Amino acid sequence: MRILGIPTVADRVAQTAVKLLLEPKIDPLFHPNSYGYRPGRSAHDAIAIVRRRSWDYDWVVEFDIKGLFDNIDHDLLMRALKKHCEIPWILLFLNWRLVFL
C-alpha cells in the first residue's frame, strides 16, 4: 500500500510511455496560443508573448483554469481521448488513473 498521489517508478514509466505515444498526435490539436504543459513551451515563453502583445492590443483575455482537472467531466474527457487514441491499454490506463485521482 502507498499513499495516493505519490507516483511509483512503475507509474512514471507508464506515464512516460503514454506521453510519448499520445503527445505527437494530440499536441497539434491545441491552439497555438496554448502554453500550459506543452512541449518546447514554458511559462517564460507565455510571459514573453504577453509582454510583446501588450504593445499591440488594448485589451486582455484571462482564463484561470485553477481546479479544472478537479472538476472536468470524466465521461467527456474519455470520449475526447477515444476520438484521438485507439490503443486499448492507453485508454484503460488513463480511465483507471482518472477514476482514482
C-alpha atoms as a PDB file:
ATOM      1  CA  MET A   1       0.000   0.000   0.000  1.00  0.00           C
ATOM      2  CA  ARG A   2       1.142   3.530  -0.713  1.00  0.00           C
ATOM      3  CA  ILE A   3      -0.288   6.990  -0.268  1.00  0.00           C
ATOM      4  CA  LEU A   4      -2.243   8.099  -3.333  1.00  0.00           C
ATOM      5  CA  GLY A   5      -0.672  10.969  -5.191  1.00  0.00           C
ATOM      6  CA  ILE A   6       2.883   9.709  -4.782  1.00  0.00           C
ATOM      7  CA  PRO A   7       3.837   8.054  -8.075  1.00  0.00           C
ATOM      8  CA  THR A   8       5.938   4.913  -8.048  1.00  0.00           C
ATOM      9  CA  VAL A   9       8.663   4.157 -10.589  1.00  0.00           C
ATOM     10  CA  ALA A  10       6.175   1.954 -12.468  1.00  0.00           C
ATOM     11  CA  ASP A  11       3.687   4.879 -12.561  1.00  0.00           C
ATOM     12  CA  ARG A  12       6.340   7.169 -14.033  1.00  0.00           C
ATOM     13  CA  VAL A  13       7.318   4.607 -16.676  1.00  0.00           C
ATOM     14  CA  ALA A  14       3.678   4.110 -17.727  1.00  0.00           C
ATOM     15  CA  GLN A  15       3.010   7.879 -17.750  1.00  0.00           C
ATOM     16  CA  THR A  16       6.079   8.446 -19.915  1.00  0.00           C
ATOM     17  CA  ALA A  17       5.033   5.708 -22.338  1.00  0.00           C
ATOM     18  CA  VAL A  18       1.566   7.237 -22.679  1.00  0.00           C
ATOM     19  CA  LYS A  19       3.055  10.711 -23.145  1.00  0.00           C
ATOM     20  CA  LEU A  20       5.455   9.515 -25.863  1.00  0.00           C
ATOM     21  CA  LEU A  21       2.629   7.836 -27.780  1.00  0.00           C
ATOM     22  CA  LEU A  22      -0.133  10.448 -27.360  1.00  0.00           C
ATOM     23  CA  GLU A  23       1.707  13.767 -27.397  1.00  0.00           C
ATOM     24  CA  PRO A  24       2.769  13.781 -31.082  1.00  0.00           C
ATOM     25  CA  LYS A  25      -0.804  13.055 -32.149  1.00  0.00           C
ATOM     26  CA  ILE A  26      -2.676  15.322 -29.734  1.00  0.00           C
ATOM     27  CA  ASP A  27      -0.350  18.331 -29.365  1.00  0.00           C
ATOM     28  CA  PRO A  28      -1.032  19.689 -32.898  1.00  0.00           C
ATOM     29  CA  LEU A  29      -4.743  19.926 -31.978  1.00  0.00           C
ATOM     30  CA  PHE A  30      -4.078  22.616 -29.352  1.00  0.00           C
ATOM     31  CA  HIS A  31      -4.385  26.304 -30.154  1.00  0.00           C
ATOM     32  CA  PRO A  32      -1.047  27.990 -30.969  1.00  0.00           C
ATOM     33  CA  ASN A  33      -1.562  30.351 -28.012  1.00  0.00           C
ATOM     34  CA  SER A  34      -1.769  27.452 -25.558  1.00  0.00           C
ATOM     35  CA  TYR A  35       1.372  27.240 -23.429  1.00  0.00           C
ATOM     36  CA  GLY A  36       0.468  25.068 -20.430  1.00  0.00           C
ATOM     37  CA  TYR A  37       2.313  21.737 -20.280  1.00  0.00           C
ATOM     38  CA  ARG A  38       3.225  21.892 -23.993  1.00  0.00           C
ATOM     39  CA  PRO A  39       6.493  20.502 -25.356  1.00  0.00           C
ATOM     40  CA  GLY A  40       9.024  23.213 -26.057  1.00  0.00           C
ATOM     41  CA  ARG A  41       6.933  25.903 -24.322  1.00  0.00           C
ATOM     42  CA  SER A  42       7.329  27.340 -20.872  1.00  0.00           C
ATOM     43  CA  ALA A  43       5.745  29.889 -18.575  1.00  0.00           C
ATOM     44  CA  HIS A  44       8.571  32.238 -19.554  1.00  0.00           C
ATOM     45  CA  ASP A  45       7.587  31.864 -23.229  1.00  0.00           C
ATOM     46  CA  ALA A  46       3.995  32.744 -22.353  1.00  0.00           C
ATOM     47  CA  ILE A  47       5.116  35.815 -20.401  1.00  0.00           C
ATOM     48  CA  ALA A  48       7.270  36.958 -23.333  1.00  0.00           C
ATOM     49  CA  ILE A  49       4.290  36.663 -25.705  1.00  0.00           C
ATOM     50  CA  VAL A  50       2.032  38.601 -23.310  1.00  0.00           C
ATOM     51  CA  ARG A  51       4.677  41.295 -22.921  1.00  0.00           C
ATOM     52  CA  ARG A  52       5.101  41.630 -26.697  1.00  0.00           C
ATOM     53  CA  ARG A  53       1.362  41.627 -27.404  1.00  0.00           C
ATOM     54  CA  SER A  54       0.638  44.176 -24.681  1.00  0.00           C
ATOM     55  CA  TRP A  55       2.177  46.765 -27.026  1.00  0.00           C
ATOM     56  CA  ASP A  56      -0.144  45.725 -29.876  1.00  0.00           C
ATOM     57  CA  TYR A  57      -3.514  45.384 -28.120  1.00  0.00           C
ATOM     58  CA  ASP A  58      -5.520  47.479 -25.654  1.00  0.00           C
ATOM     59  CA  TRP A  59      -7.356  44.522 -24.103  1.00  0.00           C
ATOM     60  CA  VAL A  60      -6.602  41.315 -22.195  1.00  0.00           C
ATOM     61  CA  VAL A  61      -8.400  37.991 -22.032  1.00  0.00           C
ATOM     62  CA  GLU A  62      -7.667  35.849 -19.000  1.00  0.00           C
ATOM     63  CA  PHE A  63      -8.795  32.307 -18.357  1.00  0.00           C
ATOM     64  CA  ASP A  64      -7.988  30.806 -14.971  1.00  0.00           C
ATOM     65  CA  ILE A  65      -8.105  27.020 -15.054  1.00  0.00           C
ATOM     66  CA  LYS A  66      -7.342  26.508 -11.368  1.00  0.00           C
ATOM     67  CA  GLY A  67      -9.217  23.394 -10.328  1.00  0.00           C
ATOM     68  CA  LEU A  68     -10.106  22.494 -13.924  1.00  0.00           C
ATOM     69  CA  PHE A  69      -8.874  18.922 -13.620  1.00  0.00           C
ATOM     70  CA  ASP A  70     -10.656  18.555 -10.293  1.00  0.00           C
ATOM     71  CA  ASN A  71     -13.967  19.403 -11.953  1.00  0.00           C
ATOM     72  CA  ILE A  72     -13.661  18.113 -15.530  1.00  0.00           C
ATOM     73  CA  ASP A  73     -16.377  15.737 -16.718  1.00  0.00           C
ATOM     74  CA  HIS A  74     -14.770  12.264 -16.716  1.00  0.00           C
ATOM     75  CA  ASP A  75     -17.043  10.882 -19.453  1.00  0.00           C
ATOM     76  CA  LEU A  76     -16.440  13.886 -21.707  1.00  0.00           C
ATOM     77  CA  LEU A  77     -12.676  13.568 -21.265  1.00  0.00           C
ATOM     78  CA  MET A  78     -12.749   9.841 -22.061  1.00  0.00           C
ATOM     79  CA  ARG A  79     -14.848  10.487 -25.203  1.00  0.00           C
ATOM     80  CA  ALA A  80     -12.276  13.030 -26.380  1.00  0.00           C
ATOM     81  CA  LEU A  81      -9.435  10.585 -25.683  1.00  0.00           C
ATOM     82  CA  LYS A  82     -11.208   7.779 -27.555  1.00  0.00           C
ATOM     83  CA  LYS A  83     -11.607  10.070 -30.561  1.00  0.00           C
ATOM     84  CA  HIS A  84      -7.838  10.591 -30.785  1.00  0.00           C
ATOM     85  CA  CYS A  85      -6.463   7.336 -29.371  1.00  0.00           C
ATOM     86  CA  GLU A  86      -7.338   3.794 -30.388  1.00  0.00           C
ATOM     87  CA  ILE A  87      -4.727   1.982 -28.269  1.00  0.00           C
ATOM     88  CA  PRO A  88      -6.759  -0.066 -25.745  1.00  0.00           C
ATOM     89  CA  TRP A  89      -4.132  -0.240 -22.986  1.00  0.00           C
ATOM     90  CA  ILE A  90      -3.688   3.557 -23.014  1.00  0.00           C
ATOM     91  CA  LEU A  91      -7.432   4.135 -22.686  1.00  0.00           C
ATOM     92  CA  LEU A  92      -7.611   1.565 -19.876  1.00  0.00           C
ATOM     93  CA  PHE A  93      -4.644   3.125 -18.073  1.00  0.00           C
ATOM     94  CA  LEU A  94      -5.987   6.676 -18.386  1.00  0.00           C
ATOM     95  CA  ASN A  95      -9.501   5.641 -17.370  1.00  0.00           C
ATOM     96  CA  TRP A  96      -8.128   3.898 -14.280  1.00  0.00           C
ATOM     97  CA  ARG A  97      -5.949   6.902 -13.422  1.00  0.00           C
ATOM     98  CA  LEU A  98      -8.878   9.299 -13.753  1.00  0.00           C
ATOM     99  CA  VAL A  99     -11.109   7.186 -11.531  1.00  0.00           C
ATOM    100  CA  PHE A 100      -8.565   7.063  -8.713  1.00  0.00           C
ATOM    101  CA  LEU A 101      -7.280  10.652  -8.828  1.00  0.00           C
END
